[in-house]
Protein backbone atom coordinates (compact mmCIF):
# COMPACT_ATOMS: atom_id res chain seq x y z
CA MET A 1 139.33 190.91 154.13
CA ASP A 2 140.11 188.15 157.22
CA ASN A 3 136.62 185.47 157.34
CA GLY A 4 135.18 185.67 160.61
CA THR A 5 132.02 185.34 161.69
CA VAL A 6 128.76 188.01 162.56
CA SER A 7 125.66 188.07 164.38
CA VAL A 8 123.08 189.36 162.41
CA PRO A 9 119.27 189.17 164.56
CA ASP A 10 115.84 187.65 163.17
CA GLU A 11 114.54 190.32 161.77
CA GLN A 12 117.82 191.41 160.11
CA TYR A 13 118.41 188.17 158.48
CA GLU A 14 114.60 188.44 156.83
CA ARG A 15 116.05 191.64 155.41
CA LEU A 16 118.92 190.26 154.69
CA ALA A 17 117.71 187.01 152.64
CA ALA A 18 114.77 188.76 150.64
CA LEU A 19 117.91 191.01 149.11
CA ALA A 20 119.87 188.50 148.27
CA ALA A 21 117.46 186.86 146.89
CA ALA A 22 116.61 189.99 145.33
CA ARG A 23 119.83 189.91 143.83
CA GLY A 24 120.56 185.95 142.81
CA VAL A 25 123.34 185.12 145.98
CA THR A 26 123.23 183.96 148.84
CA PRO A 27 122.92 186.06 152.25
CA GLU A 28 125.88 185.62 153.67
CA THR A 29 128.19 186.04 150.18
CA GLN A 30 125.29 189.02 150.51
CA LEU A 31 126.83 189.97 154.26
CA ALA A 32 130.17 190.13 152.31
CA ARG A 33 129.02 192.18 149.91
CA LEU A 34 127.59 194.85 152.46
CA ILE A 35 130.50 194.44 154.81
CA ASP A 36 132.77 194.82 152.02
CA ASP A 37 131.52 198.19 150.67
CA ALA A 38 131.17 199.58 154.28
CA TYR A 39 134.92 198.81 154.34
CA ALA A 40 135.34 200.78 150.44
CA GLY A 41 133.69 203.22 152.15
CA LEU A 42 135.77 204.80 154.32
CA ASP A 43 138.63 204.87 151.97
CA GLY A 44 139.11 207.99 152.12
CA ASP A 45 140.08 207.84 148.01
CA ALA A 46 136.62 208.32 146.74
CA ASP A 47 135.76 208.48 143.67
CA SER A 48 135.36 212.09 141.76
CA PRO A 49 131.63 213.89 140.96
CA GLU A 50 132.41 212.31 137.42
CA GLY A 51 133.12 209.19 137.99
CA LEU A 52 129.33 209.13 139.64
CA PRO A 53 126.37 207.81 138.42
CA LEU A 54 124.03 210.33 136.37
CA GLY A 55 121.51 212.06 138.90
CA VAL A 56 123.91 211.24 141.68
CA SER A 57 126.12 213.75 143.84
CA ASP A 58 128.61 214.10 146.49
CA CYS A 59 126.70 217.19 147.86
CA SER A 60 130.33 219.35 147.54
CA ASP A 61 128.54 222.35 145.49
CA GLN A 62 124.90 223.07 147.43
CA ASP A 63 124.07 226.66 147.49
């Protein structure tokens, strides 16, 4: 992924900083992880339902 600049409003930065602190990383690192996760979610090669953690559903078998 290319490095760039991201602007985060103060209210959201406080939430980001709290989440980062809970995970033991910097807010910048946490934001980079969130962005990477978002880009990964755009990938059409999603995990198979068998690869999901126990109790998590991909909602493809709804009746």
